[in-house]
Structure formats: structure tokens, C-alpha cells
């Protein structure tokens, strides 16, 4: 699977890593799988896209649709932050688009930040220490 994740219950964090080629289907599947779980309600999230080599996106509209889905899934839940780590320009730009669409969603409670480094993302989330991303296995 191009997106792997670990749940750190102690830190109340979902730590995801995308790898290689990812498609919009991969991202939607991750969103539905993780955020339908009741044990992660209110958890912060970091999505590390540094190892992504290519993003197969049929339409920019899919970013808006993902933001709408994500906002609906957490509309009545406690606010937590999402940090996206993207060192490559294309992934960084898509992350910023997602951030904007997410902010425009009525009822969206999850602040989103897009960063070039994992350290910046962890600072945004208020987490200390060196959290290594999940392995790509």
C-alpha cells in the first residue's frame, strides 16, 4: 500500500507516510480507513509525502472532494491539527491547495499546515522529540 500509518495513542497522533506512486484512490482509502476509527477521534495527524515520487491525480477537483469528505468526517469531532510534509514542489503545491479547500469547508475544525520538513510539521503539531515516520513496508 502506498500509504502506511501508525497510531501513537500516547501522543494522540496518526503518523502516515506515502511512498512511490500514489493515486487519489489511495488517499481517499486512507482517509476513510483511518478517520472512520473511533479510537483516533481528536488525534493530530502528520502525513509525510517526502518519499512520494509521483502523484496520479485525474483532476484538481479531487483535492476539493477530499477536503469536503475530510471535513464531513470530523465536523462534529474535537479539533486537531493536520501537518503535511512535502519537500517536492508539486506535492507541496497540492498540499497547499488542500489546506485552502479545507479552510473553506463549512464546519471544518481541523487546522492544516504544509511544511517542507518533518521538524517544522512536528513543531506545528506541538510535538517534541524525533518521531521517525512509519516504514514503507
N, C-alpha and C. Protein backbone atom coordinates (compact mmCIF):
# COMPACT_ATOMS: atom_id res chain seq x y z
N UNK A 1 0.85 -1.19 0.00
CA UNK A 1 0.00 0.00 0.00
C UNK A 1 0.89 1.24 0.00
N UNK A 2 0.60 2.19 -0.86
CA UNK A 2 1.44 3.39 -0.94
C UNK A 2 1.36 4.31 0.29
N UNK A 3 0.33 4.14 1.13
CA UNK A 3 0.24 4.95 2.34
C UNK A 3 0.17 4.01 3.54
N UNK A 4 1.18 4.12 4.40
CA UNK A 4 1.19 3.33 5.63
C UNK A 4 1.01 4.29 6.79
N UNK A 5 0.57 3.77 7.92
CA UNK A 5 0.40 4.64 9.08
C UNK A 5 0.57 3.86 10.37
N UNK A 6 0.91 4.62 11.39
CA UNK A 6 0.97 4.10 12.76
C UNK A 6 0.14 5.02 13.63
N UNK A 7 -0.44 4.45 14.66
CA UNK A 7 -1.19 5.24 15.61
C UNK A 7 -0.44 5.26 16.92
N UNK A 8 -0.10 6.44 17.36
CA UNK A 8 0.61 6.64 18.63
C UNK A 8 -0.42 7.16 19.63
N UNK A 9 -0.99 6.23 20.42
CA UNK A 9 -2.03 6.61 21.37
C UNK A 9 -1.49 7.49 22.49
N UNK A 10 -0.24 7.29 22.85
CA UNK A 10 0.34 8.11 23.92
C UNK A 10 0.41 9.58 23.51
N UNK A 11 0.81 9.83 22.28
CA UNK A 11 0.91 11.22 21.78
C UNK A 11 -0.37 11.69 21.10
N UNK A 12 -1.35 10.79 20.96
CA UNK A 12 -2.61 11.10 20.27
C UNK A 12 -2.32 11.60 18.85
N UNK A 13 -1.63 10.72 18.10
CA UNK A 13 -1.14 11.08 16.78
C UNK A 13 -1.33 9.95 15.78
N UNK A 14 -1.82 10.29 14.59
CA UNK A 14 -1.81 9.39 13.45
C UNK A 14 -0.63 9.83 12.59
N UNK A 15 0.32 8.92 12.39
CA UNK A 15 1.57 9.22 11.69
C UNK A 15 1.58 8.41 10.39
N UNK A 16 1.35 9.09 9.26
CA UNK A 16 1.23 8.41 7.97
C UNK A 16 2.41 8.76 7.06
N UNK A 17 2.73 7.82 6.17
CA UNK A 17 3.80 8.04 5.21
C UNK A 17 3.33 7.52 3.86
N UNK A 18 3.44 8.38 2.85
CA UNK A 18 3.14 7.98 1.48
C UNK A 18 4.45 7.71 0.77
N UNK A 19 4.42 6.76 -0.16
CA UNK A 19 5.65 6.29 -0.78
C UNK A 19 5.43 5.97 -2.25
N UNK A 20 6.39 6.32 -3.09
CA UNK A 20 6.34 5.94 -4.50
C UNK A 20 5.26 6.67 -5.27
N UNK A 21 4.45 5.91 -5.99
CA UNK A 21 3.32 6.45 -6.76
C UNK A 21 2.08 6.36 -5.90
N UNK A 22 1.40 7.49 -5.73
CA UNK A 22 0.11 7.47 -5.02
C UNK A 22 -0.96 8.02 -5.95
N UNK A 23 -2.15 7.50 -5.79
CA UNK A 23 -3.29 7.95 -6.58
C UNK A 23 -4.32 8.58 -5.66
N UNK A 24 -5.27 9.25 -6.26
CA UNK A 24 -6.34 9.83 -5.46
C UNK A 24 -7.10 8.72 -4.73
N UNK A 25 -7.21 7.55 -5.36
CA UNK A 25 -7.87 6.42 -4.70
C UNK A 25 -7.16 6.00 -3.43
N UNK A 26 -5.83 6.03 -3.45
CA UNK A 26 -5.05 5.68 -2.25
C UNK A 26 -5.35 6.67 -1.12
N UNK A 27 -5.40 7.94 -1.47
CA UNK A 27 -5.61 8.98 -0.45
C UNK A 27 -7.03 8.90 0.11
N UNK A 28 -8.01 8.71 -0.75
CA UNK A 28 -9.40 8.58 -0.27
C UNK A 28 -9.55 7.33 0.60
N UNK A 29 -8.92 6.22 0.21
CA UNK A 29 -9.00 4.99 1.00
C UNK A 29 -8.38 5.20 2.38
N UNK A 30 -7.22 5.87 2.42
CA UNK A 30 -6.58 6.18 3.70
C UNK A 30 -7.51 7.03 4.56
N UNK A 31 -8.07 8.07 3.98
CA UNK A 31 -8.97 8.98 4.73
C UNK A 31 -10.13 8.19 5.35
N UNK A 32 -10.75 7.37 4.54
CA UNK A 32 -11.92 6.61 5.04
C UNK A 32 -11.52 5.57 6.09
N UNK A 33 -10.41 4.87 5.83
CA UNK A 33 -9.97 3.82 6.76
C UNK A 33 -9.60 4.38 8.12
N UNK A 34 -8.76 5.40 8.12
CA UNK A 34 -8.24 5.92 9.39
C UNK A 34 -9.29 6.73 10.14
N UNK A 35 -9.94 7.65 9.45
CA UNK A 35 -10.79 8.60 10.16
C UNK A 35 -12.21 8.10 10.41
N UNK A 36 -12.49 6.85 10.06
CA UNK A 36 -13.75 6.23 10.49
C UNK A 36 -13.55 5.47 11.79
N UNK A 37 -12.30 5.36 12.24
CA UNK A 37 -12.00 4.66 13.50
C UNK A 37 -12.38 5.55 14.69
N UNK A 38 -13.01 4.97 15.67
CA UNK A 38 -13.41 5.75 16.84
C UNK A 38 -12.24 5.98 17.81
N UNK A 39 -11.19 5.16 17.73
CA UNK A 39 -10.09 5.31 18.68
C UNK A 39 -9.12 6.43 18.33
N UNK A 40 -9.32 7.14 17.20
CA UNK A 40 -8.43 8.23 16.83
C UNK A 40 -9.14 9.59 16.80
N UNK A 41 -10.35 9.63 17.28
CA UNK A 41 -11.09 10.89 17.32
C UNK A 41 -10.30 11.93 18.11
N UNK A 42 -10.11 13.09 17.52
CA UNK A 42 -9.39 14.17 18.19
C UNK A 42 -7.88 14.06 18.10
N UNK A 43 -7.36 13.07 17.40
CA UNK A 43 -5.91 12.91 17.27
C UNK A 43 -5.35 13.87 16.22
N UNK A 44 -4.12 14.30 16.44
CA UNK A 44 -3.39 15.06 15.43
C UNK A 44 -2.96 14.09 14.34
N UNK A 45 -2.54 14.66 13.20
CA UNK A 45 -2.15 13.83 12.07
C UNK A 45 -0.96 14.45 11.35
N UNK A 46 -0.01 13.61 11.00
CA UNK A 46 1.08 14.03 10.14
C UNK A 46 1.11 13.09 8.94
N UNK A 47 1.16 13.67 7.74
CA UNK A 47 1.24 12.89 6.52
C UNK A 47 2.55 13.27 5.84
N UNK A 48 3.48 12.33 5.82
CA UNK A 48 4.82 12.55 5.27
C UNK A 48 4.83 12.11 3.80
N UNK A 49 5.02 13.09 2.91
CA UNK A 49 5.00 12.83 1.47
C UNK A 49 6.39 12.93 0.84
N UNK A 50 7.43 12.95 1.67
CA UNK A 50 8.79 13.15 1.16
C UNK A 50 9.20 12.05 0.19
N UNK A 51 8.79 10.82 0.42
CA UNK A 51 9.19 9.69 -0.45
C UNK A 51 8.27 9.49 -1.65
N UNK A 52 7.30 10.38 -1.85
CA UNK A 52 6.40 10.26 -2.99
C UNK A 52 7.14 10.70 -4.25
N UNK A 53 7.13 9.82 -5.24
CA UNK A 53 7.81 10.11 -6.50
C UNK A 53 6.85 10.64 -7.55
N UNK A 54 5.58 10.21 -7.48
CA UNK A 54 4.61 10.65 -8.47
C UNK A 54 3.21 10.61 -7.85
N UNK A 55 2.40 11.58 -8.25
CA UNK A 55 1.02 11.65 -7.79
C UNK A 55 0.12 11.56 -9.01
N UNK A 56 -0.70 10.51 -9.05
CA UNK A 56 -1.62 10.29 -10.16
C UNK A 56 -2.97 10.90 -9.76
N UNK A 57 -3.24 12.07 -10.31
CA UNK A 57 -4.43 12.82 -9.93
C UNK A 57 -5.23 13.13 -11.20
N UNK A 58 -6.42 12.53 -11.35
CA UNK A 58 -7.17 12.74 -12.59
C UNK A 58 -7.69 14.16 -12.76
N UNK A 59 -7.88 14.86 -11.66
CA UNK A 59 -8.45 16.21 -11.72
C UNK A 59 -8.15 16.94 -10.41
N UNK A 60 -7.91 18.23 -10.51
CA UNK A 60 -7.71 19.06 -9.32
C UNK A 60 -8.96 19.04 -8.45
N UNK A 61 -10.12 18.82 -9.06
CA UNK A 61 -11.37 18.75 -8.30
C UNK A 61 -11.32 17.68 -7.21
N UNK A 62 -10.48 16.65 -7.40
CA UNK A 62 -10.38 15.58 -6.41
C UNK A 62 -9.83 16.11 -5.08
N UNK A 63 -9.00 17.15 -5.13
CA UNK A 63 -8.47 17.74 -3.89
C UNK A 63 -9.62 18.39 -3.12
N UNK A 64 -10.47 19.11 -3.83
CA UNK A 64 -11.64 19.73 -3.19
C UNK A 64 -12.57 18.66 -2.62
N UNK A 65 -12.78 17.58 -3.39
CA UNK A 65 -13.64 16.49 -2.92
C UNK A 65 -13.07 15.82 -1.67
N UNK A 66 -11.75 15.66 -1.62
CA UNK A 66 -11.12 15.09 -0.43
C UNK A 66 -11.30 16.01 0.76
N UNK A 67 -11.13 17.31 0.55
CA UNK A 67 -11.32 18.28 1.64
C UNK A 67 -12.76 18.24 2.15
N UNK A 68 -13.71 18.12 1.24
CA UNK A 68 -15.12 18.03 1.64
C UNK A 68 -15.38 16.76 2.45
N UNK A 69 -14.87 15.63 1.97
CA UNK A 69 -15.04 14.36 2.70
C UNK A 69 -14.42 14.45 4.09
N UNK A 70 -13.19 14.94 4.16
CA UNK A 70 -12.49 15.03 5.45
C UNK A 70 -13.23 15.95 6.41
N UNK A 71 -13.72 17.07 5.92
CA UNK A 71 -14.46 18.00 6.78
C UNK A 71 -15.75 17.35 7.30
N UNK A 72 -16.43 16.60 6.43
CA UNK A 72 -17.66 15.91 6.87
C UNK A 72 -17.34 14.86 7.93
N UNK A 73 -16.21 14.17 7.78
CA UNK A 73 -15.86 13.10 8.70
C UNK A 73 -15.48 13.61 10.09
N UNK A 74 -15.06 14.88 10.19
CA UNK A 74 -14.67 15.37 11.52
C UNK A 74 -15.47 16.59 11.96
N UNK A 75 -16.59 16.86 11.29
CA UNK A 75 -17.36 18.07 11.58
C UNK A 75 -17.83 18.14 13.03
N UNK A 76 -18.21 17.04 13.61
CA UNK A 76 -18.74 17.06 14.97
C UNK A 76 -17.75 16.50 16.00
N UNK A 77 -16.48 16.49 15.63
CA UNK A 77 -15.45 15.91 16.49
C UNK A 77 -14.52 17.00 17.01
N UNK A 78 -13.80 16.73 18.10
CA UNK A 78 -12.87 17.72 18.62
C UNK A 78 -11.79 18.10 17.60
N UNK A 79 -11.40 19.35 17.62
CA UNK A 79 -10.39 19.84 16.67
C UNK A 79 -9.02 19.26 16.96
N UNK A 80 -8.31 18.94 15.91
CA UNK A 80 -6.92 18.50 15.99
C UNK A 80 -6.24 19.03 14.73
N UNK A 81 -4.94 19.04 14.71
CA UNK A 81 -4.22 19.59 13.56
C UNK A 81 -3.75 18.50 12.62
N UNK A 82 -3.61 18.89 11.35
CA UNK A 82 -3.04 18.04 10.30
C UNK A 82 -1.82 18.75 9.74
N UNK A 83 -0.69 18.06 9.74
CA UNK A 83 0.53 18.58 9.14
C UNK A 83 0.91 17.70 7.96
N UNK A 84 1.11 18.33 6.81
CA UNK A 84 1.55 17.64 5.61
C UNK A 84 2.99 18.01 5.36
N UNK A 85 3.85 17.00 5.16
CA UNK A 85 5.27 17.23 4.88
C UNK A 85 5.51 16.89 3.42
N UNK A 86 5.93 17.88 2.65
CA UNK A 86 6.16 17.68 1.22
C UNK A 86 7.36 18.51 0.78
N UNK A 87 8.46 17.85 0.50
CA UNK A 87 9.65 18.58 0.10
C UNK A 87 9.66 18.92 -1.39
N UNK A 88 8.97 18.12 -2.19
CA UNK A 88 8.92 18.39 -3.64
C UNK A 88 7.84 19.41 -3.95
N UNK A 89 8.12 20.26 -4.93
CA UNK A 89 7.24 21.39 -5.23
C UNK A 89 5.81 20.97 -5.60
N UNK A 90 5.66 19.95 -6.44
CA UNK A 90 4.32 19.55 -6.87
C UNK A 90 3.49 19.08 -5.67
N UNK A 91 4.04 18.21 -4.85
CA UNK A 91 3.32 17.71 -3.67
C UNK A 91 3.05 18.85 -2.69
N UNK A 92 4.01 19.75 -2.53
CA UNK A 92 3.83 20.90 -1.64
C UNK A 92 2.67 21.77 -2.14
N UNK A 93 2.63 22.03 -3.45
CA UNK A 93 1.56 22.83 -4.03
C UNK A 93 0.19 22.19 -3.85
N UNK A 94 0.12 20.88 -4.07
CA UNK A 94 -1.15 20.17 -3.86
C UNK A 94 -1.56 20.23 -2.39
N UNK A 95 -0.58 20.12 -1.51
CA UNK A 95 -0.87 20.22 -0.08
C UNK A 95 -1.43 21.59 0.29
N UNK A 96 -0.87 22.63 -0.30
CA UNK A 96 -1.38 23.98 -0.03
C UNK A 96 -2.79 24.16 -0.58
N UNK A 97 -3.06 23.55 -1.74
CA UNK A 97 -4.42 23.60 -2.29
C UNK A 97 -5.39 22.91 -1.33
N UNK A 98 -4.98 21.74 -0.82
CA UNK A 98 -5.83 21.02 0.12
C UNK A 98 -6.06 21.88 1.36
N UNK A 99 -5.01 22.52 1.86
CA UNK A 99 -5.13 23.39 3.03
C UNK A 99 -6.18 24.48 2.79
N UNK A 100 -6.13 25.10 1.62
CA UNK A 100 -7.08 26.16 1.29
C UNK A 100 -8.50 25.62 1.19
N UNK A 101 -8.67 24.52 0.46
CA UNK A 101 -10.01 23.93 0.34
C UNK A 101 -10.55 23.52 1.70
N UNK A 102 -9.69 23.01 2.54
CA UNK A 102 -10.12 22.57 3.87
C UNK A 102 -10.61 23.76 4.70
N UNK A 103 -9.89 24.88 4.61
CA UNK A 103 -10.29 26.08 5.35
C UNK A 103 -11.62 26.63 4.86
N UNK A 104 -11.95 26.40 3.59
CA UNK A 104 -13.19 26.92 3.01
C UNK A 104 -14.41 26.06 3.32
N UNK A 105 -14.20 24.87 3.86
CA UNK A 105 -15.31 23.97 4.14
C UNK A 105 -16.08 24.42 5.38
N UNK A 106 -17.37 24.57 5.23
CA UNK A 106 -18.21 24.91 6.38
C UNK A 106 -18.12 23.78 7.40
N UNK A 107 -17.91 24.12 8.63
CA UNK A 107 -17.85 23.13 9.69
C UNK A 107 -16.52 22.44 9.84
N UNK A 108 -15.54 22.80 9.03
CA UNK A 108 -14.23 22.17 9.16
C UNK A 108 -13.55 22.65 10.44
N UNK A 109 -13.08 21.72 11.24
CA UNK A 109 -12.48 22.08 12.52
C UNK A 109 -10.99 21.76 12.60
N UNK A 110 -10.42 21.17 11.56
CA UNK A 110 -9.04 20.71 11.62
C UNK A 110 -8.11 21.69 10.91
N UNK A 111 -7.28 22.43 11.68
CA UNK A 111 -6.29 23.30 11.04
C UNK A 111 -5.26 22.46 10.28
N UNK A 112 -4.90 22.92 9.09
CA UNK A 112 -3.95 22.22 8.23
C UNK A 112 -2.74 23.10 8.00
N UNK A 113 -1.56 22.50 8.05
CA UNK A 113 -0.32 23.20 7.71
C UNK A 113 0.49 22.33 6.77
N UNK A 114 1.19 22.97 5.83
CA UNK A 114 2.01 22.25 4.86
C UNK A 114 3.45 22.72 5.04
N UNK A 115 4.37 21.76 5.15
CA UNK A 115 5.75 22.08 5.51
C UNK A 115 6.73 21.33 4.63
N UNK A 116 7.94 21.84 4.54
CA UNK A 116 9.00 21.20 3.75
C UNK A 116 9.75 20.14 4.56
N UNK A 117 9.74 20.28 5.90
CA UNK A 117 10.48 19.33 6.74
C UNK A 117 9.58 18.74 7.81
N UNK A 118 9.93 17.55 8.24
CA UNK A 118 9.20 16.87 9.31
C UNK A 118 9.31 17.65 10.62
N UNK A 119 10.47 18.23 10.88
CA UNK A 119 10.65 19.00 12.11
C UNK A 119 9.68 20.17 12.19
N UNK A 120 9.51 20.90 11.07
CA UNK A 120 8.55 22.02 11.05
C UNK A 120 7.13 21.51 11.31
N UNK A 121 6.80 20.37 10.72
CA UNK A 121 5.47 19.79 10.91
C UNK A 121 5.24 19.40 12.36
N UNK A 122 6.23 18.78 12.97
CA UNK A 122 6.10 18.37 14.38
C UNK A 122 5.97 19.59 15.29
N UNK A 123 6.69 20.66 14.96
CA UNK A 123 6.56 21.90 15.74
C UNK A 123 5.13 22.44 15.63
N UNK A 124 4.57 22.43 14.42
CA UNK A 124 3.20 22.89 14.21
C UNK A 124 2.22 22.08 15.05
N UNK A 125 2.48 20.77 15.15
CA UNK A 125 1.61 19.90 15.94
C UNK A 125 1.87 19.99 17.44
N UNK A 126 2.95 20.69 17.82
CA UNK A 126 3.28 20.82 19.23
C UNK A 126 3.91 19.57 19.81
N UNK A 127 4.59 18.78 18.96
CA UNK A 127 5.21 17.54 19.40
C UNK A 127 6.72 17.69 19.49
N UNK A 128 7.27 17.13 20.52
CA UNK A 128 8.72 17.18 20.72
C UNK A 128 9.32 15.82 20.42
N UNK A 129 10.62 15.81 20.27
CA UNK A 129 11.33 14.56 20.03
C UNK A 129 11.43 14.27 18.55
N UNK A 130 12.11 13.19 18.25
CA UNK A 130 12.33 12.80 16.86
C UNK A 130 11.44 11.61 16.54
N UNK A 131 10.27 11.88 16.05
CA UNK A 131 9.36 10.81 15.66
C UNK A 131 9.72 10.36 14.25
N UNK A 132 10.18 9.13 14.12
CA UNK A 132 10.51 8.63 12.79
C UNK A 132 9.22 8.24 12.08
N UNK A 133 9.12 8.51 10.78
CA UNK A 133 7.90 8.14 10.07
C UNK A 133 7.74 6.63 10.00
N UNK A 134 6.52 6.15 9.79
CA UNK A 134 6.29 4.72 9.66
C UNK A 134 7.10 4.18 8.50
N UNK A 135 7.49 2.91 8.58
CA UNK A 135 8.24 2.31 7.48
C UNK A 135 7.30 2.12 6.30
N UNK A 136 7.89 2.04 5.11
CA UNK A 136 7.09 1.87 3.90
C UNK A 136 6.66 0.44 3.68
N UNK A 137 6.89 -0.44 4.61
CA UNK A 137 6.56 -1.86 4.43
C UNK A 137 5.09 -2.11 4.61
